[in-house]
Amino acid sequence: MAFNYHRELQAWVVPLLLVGFFAYLMSHSFLSVFEVTADAMLLCLAIDMETNDGTAEKPYFVDQELLTFVSQSNKLTEGRKHRNTRPFQDNEDGTELQPMV
């Protein structure tokens, strides 16, 4: 209906919408391939960590940089969990907010 009342919009709006749609389609396709690749790498890492123990008889087949990255991520996650599980002071409702340090 907007194009019927404003004929001057027809010259540039339709190509702009088509270009925007195809740009979205291409970026979505690229990111989907990237996501599947990252998922496959992490699944291979999990299987490698499960079947091998890193000794000379059963070495890890994963790249050392990826293994270092995952272990550092685990250390950060464990540190956050440890920080968030501080004991609360009891009051009549059961817990009291602690000051942020």
N, C-alpha and C. Protein backbone atom coordinates (compact mmCIF):
# COMPACT_ATOMS: atom_id res chain seq x y z
N MET A 1 0.83 -1.20 0.00
CA MET A 1 0.00 0.00 0.00
C MET A 1 0.87 1.25 0.00
N ALA A 2 2.00 1.20 0.70
CA ALA A 2 2.87 2.37 0.74
C ALA A 2 3.42 2.67 -0.64
N PHE A 3 3.69 1.63 -1.44
CA PHE A 3 4.23 1.85 -2.78
C PHE A 3 3.18 2.44 -3.72
N ASN A 4 1.91 2.15 -3.48
CA ASN A 4 0.86 2.71 -4.33
C ASN A 4 0.72 4.21 -4.11
N TYR A 5 0.92 4.69 -2.90
CA TYR A 5 0.76 6.12 -2.62
C TYR A 5 2.04 6.91 -2.88
N HIS A 6 3.17 6.26 -2.77
CA HIS A 6 4.46 6.94 -2.98
C HIS A 6 5.23 6.20 -4.07
N ARG A 7 4.97 6.56 -5.30
CA ARG A 7 5.62 5.88 -6.43
C ARG A 7 7.13 6.10 -6.45
N GLU A 8 7.64 7.19 -5.87
CA GLU A 8 9.07 7.45 -5.90
C GLU A 8 9.84 6.46 -5.01
N LEU A 9 9.16 5.78 -4.06
CA LEU A 9 9.82 4.81 -3.20
C LEU A 9 10.17 3.52 -3.94
N GLN A 10 9.47 3.21 -5.00
CA GLN A 10 9.67 1.96 -5.69
C GLN A 10 11.05 1.86 -6.33
N ALA A 11 11.69 2.96 -6.59
CA ALA A 11 12.96 2.94 -7.30
C ALA A 11 14.09 2.38 -6.44
N TRP A 12 14.10 2.60 -5.14
CA TRP A 12 15.24 2.19 -4.34
C TRP A 12 14.89 1.26 -3.17
N VAL A 13 13.64 1.18 -2.77
CA VAL A 13 13.31 0.37 -1.59
C VAL A 13 13.36 -1.12 -1.90
N VAL A 14 12.84 -1.54 -3.01
CA VAL A 14 12.81 -2.97 -3.34
C VAL A 14 14.23 -3.52 -3.50
N PRO A 15 15.13 -2.90 -4.27
CA PRO A 15 16.50 -3.42 -4.33
C PRO A 15 17.19 -3.41 -2.96
N LEU A 16 16.93 -2.39 -2.16
CA LEU A 16 17.53 -2.33 -0.83
C LEU A 16 17.06 -3.48 0.04
N LEU A 17 15.77 -3.80 -0.01
CA LEU A 17 15.25 -4.93 0.76
C LEU A 17 15.81 -6.25 0.26
N LEU A 18 15.95 -6.40 -1.05
CA LEU A 18 16.52 -7.63 -1.60
C LEU A 18 17.98 -7.80 -1.19
N VAL A 19 18.76 -6.74 -1.25
CA VAL A 19 20.16 -6.81 -0.84
C VAL A 19 20.25 -7.13 0.65
N GLY A 20 19.42 -6.53 1.47
CA GLY A 20 19.41 -6.80 2.90
C GLY A 20 19.04 -8.25 3.20
N PHE A 21 18.06 -8.78 2.47
CA PHE A 21 17.65 -10.17 2.67
C PHE A 21 18.77 -11.13 2.30
N PHE A 22 19.40 -10.91 1.15
CA PHE A 22 20.47 -11.81 0.72
C PHE A 22 21.72 -11.67 1.61
N ALA A 23 21.99 -10.48 2.12
CA ALA A 23 23.11 -10.31 3.05
C ALA A 23 22.84 -11.08 4.34
N TYR A 24 21.62 -11.02 4.83
CA TYR A 24 21.26 -11.80 6.02
C TYR A 24 21.39 -13.29 5.74
N LEU A 25 20.94 -13.74 4.59
CA LEU A 25 21.01 -15.15 4.24
C LEU A 25 22.46 -15.64 4.17
N MET A 26 23.33 -14.86 3.56
CA MET A 26 24.74 -15.25 3.45
C MET A 26 25.44 -15.26 4.80
N SER A 27 25.19 -14.24 5.61
CA SER A 27 25.83 -14.19 6.93
C SER A 27 25.32 -15.32 7.83
N HIS A 28 24.04 -15.62 7.75
CA HIS A 28 23.48 -16.72 8.53
C HIS A 28 24.10 -18.05 8.10
N SER A 29 24.28 -18.24 6.81
CA SER A 29 24.89 -19.48 6.31
C SER A 29 26.33 -19.60 6.78
N PHE A 30 27.10 -18.53 6.71
CA PHE A 30 28.50 -18.56 7.15
C PHE A 30 28.58 -18.86 8.64
N LEU A 31 27.78 -18.20 9.44
CA LEU A 31 27.83 -18.42 10.89
C LEU A 31 27.34 -19.81 11.27
N SER A 32 26.43 -20.38 10.49
CA SER A 32 25.99 -21.75 10.76
C SER A 32 27.12 -22.74 10.53
N VAL A 33 27.88 -22.55 9.46
CA VAL A 33 29.03 -23.42 9.20
C VAL A 33 30.07 -23.26 10.30
N PHE A 34 30.32 -22.02 10.72
CA PHE A 34 31.27 -21.76 11.80
C PHE A 34 30.82 -22.44 13.10
N GLU A 35 29.53 -22.37 13.41
CA GLU A 35 28.99 -22.97 14.62
C GLU A 35 29.14 -24.49 14.60
N VAL A 36 28.83 -25.11 13.48
CA VAL A 36 28.96 -26.57 13.37
C VAL A 36 30.41 -26.99 13.51
N THR A 37 31.32 -26.21 12.92
CA THR A 37 32.74 -26.53 13.03
C THR A 37 33.22 -26.43 14.48
N ALA A 38 32.83 -25.38 15.18
CA ALA A 38 33.23 -25.23 16.59
C ALA A 38 32.63 -26.35 17.44
N ASP A 39 31.38 -26.72 17.19
CA ASP A 39 30.77 -27.82 17.95
C ASP A 39 31.49 -29.13 17.71
N ALA A 40 31.86 -29.39 16.45
CA ALA A 40 32.56 -30.64 16.13
C ALA A 40 33.93 -30.68 16.81
N MET A 41 34.63 -29.55 16.83
CA MET A 41 35.94 -29.52 17.49
C MET A 41 35.82 -29.78 18.98
N LEU A 42 34.82 -29.18 19.62
CA LEU A 42 34.65 -29.40 21.06
C LEU A 42 34.19 -30.81 21.37
N LEU A 43 33.38 -31.42 20.50
CA LEU A 43 33.00 -32.82 20.71
C LEU A 43 34.21 -33.74 20.56
N CYS A 44 35.06 -33.46 19.57
CA CYS A 44 36.28 -34.26 19.41
C CYS A 44 37.19 -34.09 20.63
N LEU A 45 37.27 -32.88 21.16
CA LEU A 45 38.06 -32.65 22.37
C LEU A 45 37.51 -33.45 23.54
N ALA A 46 36.18 -33.46 23.70
CA ALA A 46 35.57 -34.19 24.81
C ALA A 46 35.82 -35.70 24.69
N ILE A 47 35.72 -36.23 23.47
CA ILE A 47 35.97 -37.66 23.28
C ILE A 47 37.44 -37.98 23.52
N ASP A 48 38.34 -37.10 23.07
CA ASP A 48 39.76 -37.32 23.29
C ASP A 48 40.09 -37.28 24.78
N MET A 49 39.51 -36.36 25.51
CA MET A 49 39.76 -36.27 26.95
C MET A 49 39.17 -37.48 27.68
N GLU A 50 38.09 -38.03 27.16
CA GLU A 50 37.45 -39.17 27.80
C GLU A 50 38.22 -40.47 27.55
N THR A 51 38.74 -40.64 26.35
CA THR A 51 39.39 -41.91 26.01
C THR A 51 40.88 -41.93 26.34
N ASN A 52 41.54 -40.78 26.36
CA ASN A 52 42.97 -40.72 26.63
C ASN A 52 43.21 -39.99 27.94
N ASP A 53 44.36 -40.30 28.57
CA ASP A 53 44.67 -39.67 29.85
C ASP A 53 45.91 -38.79 29.82
N GLY A 54 46.54 -38.63 28.67
CA GLY A 54 47.69 -37.74 28.55
C GLY A 54 49.01 -38.36 28.89
N THR A 55 49.04 -39.63 29.20
CA THR A 55 50.31 -40.31 29.50
C THR A 55 51.00 -40.68 28.20
N ALA A 56 52.20 -41.26 28.31
CA ALA A 56 52.95 -41.66 27.11
C ALA A 56 52.25 -42.79 26.36
N GLU A 57 51.53 -43.66 27.10
CA GLU A 57 50.82 -44.76 26.45
C GLU A 57 49.55 -44.28 25.75
N LYS A 58 48.87 -43.31 26.34
CA LYS A 58 47.62 -42.77 25.78
C LYS A 58 47.70 -41.25 25.72
N PRO A 59 48.44 -40.69 24.76
CA PRO A 59 48.57 -39.23 24.71
C PRO A 59 47.31 -38.57 24.15
N TYR A 60 47.14 -37.30 24.48
CA TYR A 60 46.05 -36.53 23.90
C TYR A 60 46.38 -36.23 22.43
N PHE A 61 45.37 -36.28 21.57
CA PHE A 61 45.56 -35.95 20.16
C PHE A 61 45.13 -34.53 19.85
N VAL A 62 44.60 -33.84 20.84
CA VAL A 62 44.12 -32.47 20.65
C VAL A 62 45.30 -31.51 20.57
N ASP A 63 45.11 -30.39 19.89
CA ASP A 63 46.14 -29.37 19.78
C ASP A 63 46.40 -28.77 21.17
N GLN A 64 47.66 -28.52 21.47
CA GLN A 64 48.03 -28.02 22.80
C GLN A 64 47.42 -26.64 23.08
N GLU A 65 47.30 -25.79 22.06
CA GLU A 65 46.71 -24.46 22.28
C GLU A 65 45.24 -24.58 22.69
N LEU A 66 44.50 -25.48 22.04
CA LEU A 66 43.10 -25.68 22.41
C LEU A 66 42.98 -26.27 23.80
N LEU A 67 43.85 -27.20 24.14
CA LEU A 67 43.84 -27.80 25.47
C LEU A 67 44.16 -26.76 26.54
N THR A 68 45.12 -25.88 26.26
CA THR A 68 45.46 -24.81 27.20
C THR A 68 44.30 -23.85 27.37
N PHE A 69 43.66 -23.49 26.26
CA PHE A 69 42.51 -22.58 26.32
C PHE A 69 41.38 -23.15 27.15
N VAL A 70 41.06 -24.43 26.94
CA VAL A 70 39.97 -25.06 27.68
C VAL A 70 40.31 -25.17 29.16
N SER A 71 41.56 -25.52 29.47
CA SER A 71 41.92 -25.63 30.89
C SER A 71 41.90 -24.27 31.58
N GLN A 72 42.32 -23.21 30.90
CA GLN A 72 42.24 -21.86 31.48
C GLN A 72 40.79 -21.43 31.66
N SER A 73 39.93 -21.78 30.72
CA SER A 73 38.51 -21.46 30.85
C SER A 73 37.90 -22.19 32.04
N ASN A 74 38.30 -23.44 32.24
CA ASN A 74 37.79 -24.20 33.39
C ASN A 74 38.24 -23.58 34.70
N LYS A 75 39.49 -23.10 34.76
CA LYS A 75 39.99 -22.46 35.98
C LYS A 75 39.21 -21.19 36.28
N LEU A 76 38.90 -20.40 35.25
CA LEU A 76 38.12 -19.17 35.45
C LEU A 76 36.72 -19.49 35.93
N THR A 77 36.11 -20.52 35.34
CA THR A 77 34.75 -20.90 35.74
C THR A 77 34.72 -21.40 37.18
N GLU A 78 35.71 -22.20 37.56
CA GLU A 78 35.77 -22.69 38.93
C GLU A 78 35.98 -21.56 39.91
N GLY A 79 36.79 -20.56 39.55
CA GLY A 79 37.00 -19.41 40.41
C GLY A 79 35.74 -18.61 40.62
N ARG A 80 34.94 -18.46 39.58
CA ARG A 80 33.66 -17.74 39.71
C ARG A 80 32.69 -18.51 40.58
N LYS A 81 32.65 -19.83 40.42
CA LYS A 81 31.75 -20.64 41.24
C LYS A 81 32.16 -20.56 42.71
N HIS A 82 33.46 -20.59 42.97
CA HIS A 82 33.95 -20.53 44.34
C HIS A 82 33.62 -19.19 44.97
N ARG A 83 33.73 -18.11 44.20
CA ARG A 83 33.43 -16.78 44.72
C ARG A 83 31.95 -16.61 45.02
N ASN A 84 31.07 -17.25 44.23
CA ASN A 84 29.64 -17.09 44.40
C ASN A 84 29.06 -17.97 45.49
N THR A 85 29.82 -18.89 46.05
CA THR A 85 29.28 -19.78 47.07
C THR A 85 29.76 -19.40 48.46
N ARG A 86 29.93 -18.09 48.73
CA ARG A 86 30.29 -17.65 50.08
C ARG A 86 29.14 -17.91 51.03
N PRO A 87 29.42 -18.25 52.24
CA PRO A 87 28.32 -18.49 53.18
C PRO A 87 27.61 -17.17 53.52
N PHE A 88 26.30 -17.27 53.64
CA PHE A 88 25.48 -16.11 53.99
C PHE A 88 25.31 -16.05 55.51
N GLN A 89 25.11 -14.85 56.00
CA GLN A 89 24.81 -14.70 57.42
C GLN A 89 23.33 -14.96 57.63
N ASP A 90 23.02 -15.71 58.66
CA ASP A 90 21.63 -16.04 58.92
C ASP A 90 20.94 -14.91 59.67
N ASN A 91 19.70 -14.69 59.32
CA ASN A 91 18.83 -13.79 60.06
C ASN A 91 17.47 -14.46 60.15
N GLU A 92 16.44 -13.71 60.52
CA GLU A 92 15.14 -14.33 60.71
C GLU A 92 14.55 -14.86 59.41
N ASP A 93 14.94 -14.30 58.25
CA ASP A 93 14.43 -14.79 56.96
C ASP A 93 15.30 -15.91 56.38
N GLY A 94 16.45 -16.17 56.97
CA GLY A 94 17.31 -17.24 56.49
C GLY A 94 18.60 -16.75 55.88
N THR A 95 18.56 -15.65 55.14
CA THR A 95 19.79 -15.13 54.53
C THR A 95 19.80 -13.61 54.60
N GLU A 96 20.97 -13.06 54.50
CA GLU A 96 21.14 -11.62 54.50
C GLU A 96 22.12 -11.26 53.37
N LEU A 97 21.88 -10.17 52.70
CA LEU A 97 22.78 -9.76 51.62
C LEU A 97 24.13 -9.39 52.18
N GLN A 98 25.18 -9.78 51.45
CA GLN A 98 26.55 -9.49 51.85
C GLN A 98 27.03 -8.27 51.07
N PRO A 99 27.88 -7.42 51.68
CA PRO A 99 28.44 -6.30 50.92
C PRO A 99 29.40 -6.79 49.85
N MET A 100 29.42 -6.08 48.74
CA MET A 100 30.33 -6.46 47.65
C MET A 100 31.73 -6.03 48.00
N VAL A 101 32.69 -6.92 47.78
CA VAL A 101 34.08 -6.65 48.13
C VAL A 101 34.88 -6.46 46.87
